[in-house]
Amino acid sequence: MSDTMTDIHKGRYQGIAFALAEISRLHGEPQFVVDVMSNTGLLLTDLAEAGAAEEDMDEIRKCFEAAHV
């Protein structure tokens, strides 16, 4: 993401990170999380730069580890 990430983009990415992390936590679907991020072009760095909660980032990282990506 560029240096001009707006508050709207930050909020959107924070919400996406929360939703993906919740899917993993509640449903144990790490591959789903990886697939959604891969298919939409989202990067972990995009979510981190947007200020996604660290507990959500940790959960998403676990998904990539579980999927051996």
Protein backbone atom coordinates (compact mmCIF):
# COMPACT_ATOMS: atom_id res chain seq x y z
CA MET A 1 0.00 0.00 0.00
CA SER A 2 1.21 3.51 -0.64
CA ASP A 3 2.24 6.17 1.85
CA THR A 4 -1.12 7.84 1.25
CA MET A 5 -3.25 5.19 2.91
CA THR A 6 -6.40 6.97 4.02
CA ASP A 7 -8.20 6.41 7.28
CA ILE A 8 -10.94 4.68 5.29
CA HIS A 9 -8.42 2.22 3.83
CA LYS A 10 -6.87 1.67 7.26
CA GLY A 11 -10.26 0.94 8.77
CA ARG A 12 -11.15 -1.41 5.93
CA TYR A 13 -7.91 -3.36 6.28
CA GLN A 14 -8.26 -3.51 10.06
CA GLY A 15 -11.75 -4.95 9.62
CA ILE A 16 -10.55 -7.47 7.06
CA ALA A 17 -7.77 -8.57 9.41
CA PHE A 18 -10.25 -8.97 12.26
CA ALA A 19 -12.67 -10.98 10.10
CA LEU A 20 -9.97 -13.29 8.75
CA ALA A 21 -8.53 -13.86 12.22
CA GLU A 22 -11.99 -14.63 13.60
CA ILE A 23 -12.64 -17.17 10.86
CA SER A 24 -9.44 -18.90 11.83
CA ARG A 25 -10.07 -18.70 15.59
CA LEU A 26 -13.72 -19.75 15.48
CA HIS A 27 -13.73 -22.21 12.61
CA GLY A 28 -10.16 -23.47 12.35
CA GLU A 29 -9.89 -22.66 8.66
CA PRO A 30 -6.32 -21.45 8.08
CA GLN A 31 -6.35 -22.39 4.39
CA PHE A 32 -9.46 -20.24 3.85
CA VAL A 33 -7.60 -17.25 5.30
CA VAL A 34 -4.58 -17.85 3.09
CA ASP A 35 -6.77 -18.34 0.01
CA VAL A 36 -8.72 -15.13 0.59
CA MET A 37 -5.55 -13.11 1.02
CA SER A 38 -3.89 -14.70 -2.00
CA ASN A 39 -6.93 -14.31 -4.25
CA THR A 40 -7.47 -10.66 -3.31
CA GLY A 41 -3.82 -9.62 -3.42
CA LEU A 42 -3.74 -8.63 0.22
CA LEU A 43 -0.36 -8.76 1.89
CA LEU A 44 0.49 -9.12 5.55
CA THR A 45 2.38 -5.84 5.24
CA ASP A 46 -0.78 -4.07 4.03
CA LEU A 47 -2.66 -5.18 7.14
CA ALA A 48 0.22 -4.33 9.45
CA GLU A 49 0.72 -0.87 7.89
CA ALA A 50 -2.98 -0.20 8.37
CA GLY A 51 -2.60 -0.82 12.09
CA ALA A 52 -4.39 -4.15 12.34
CA ALA A 53 -4.49 -5.47 15.90
CA GLU A 54 -1.44 -7.51 16.78
CA GLU A 55 -3.52 -10.45 18.03
CA ASP A 56 -5.24 -10.55 14.63
CA MET A 57 -1.91 -10.34 12.82
CA ASP A 58 -0.54 -13.17 14.96
CA GLU A 59 -3.52 -15.36 14.09
CA ILE A 60 -3.18 -14.63 10.37
CA ARG A 61 0.55 -15.40 10.48
CA LYS A 62 -0.27 -18.75 12.11
CA CYS A 63 -2.54 -19.50 9.13
CA PHE A 64 0.33 -18.99 6.72
CA GLU A 65 2.58 -21.18 8.85
CA ALA A 66 -0.09 -23.91 8.99
CA ALA A 67 -0.49 -23.75 5.22
CA HIS A 68 3.31 -23.91 4.80
CA VAL A 69 3.34 -20.69 2.80
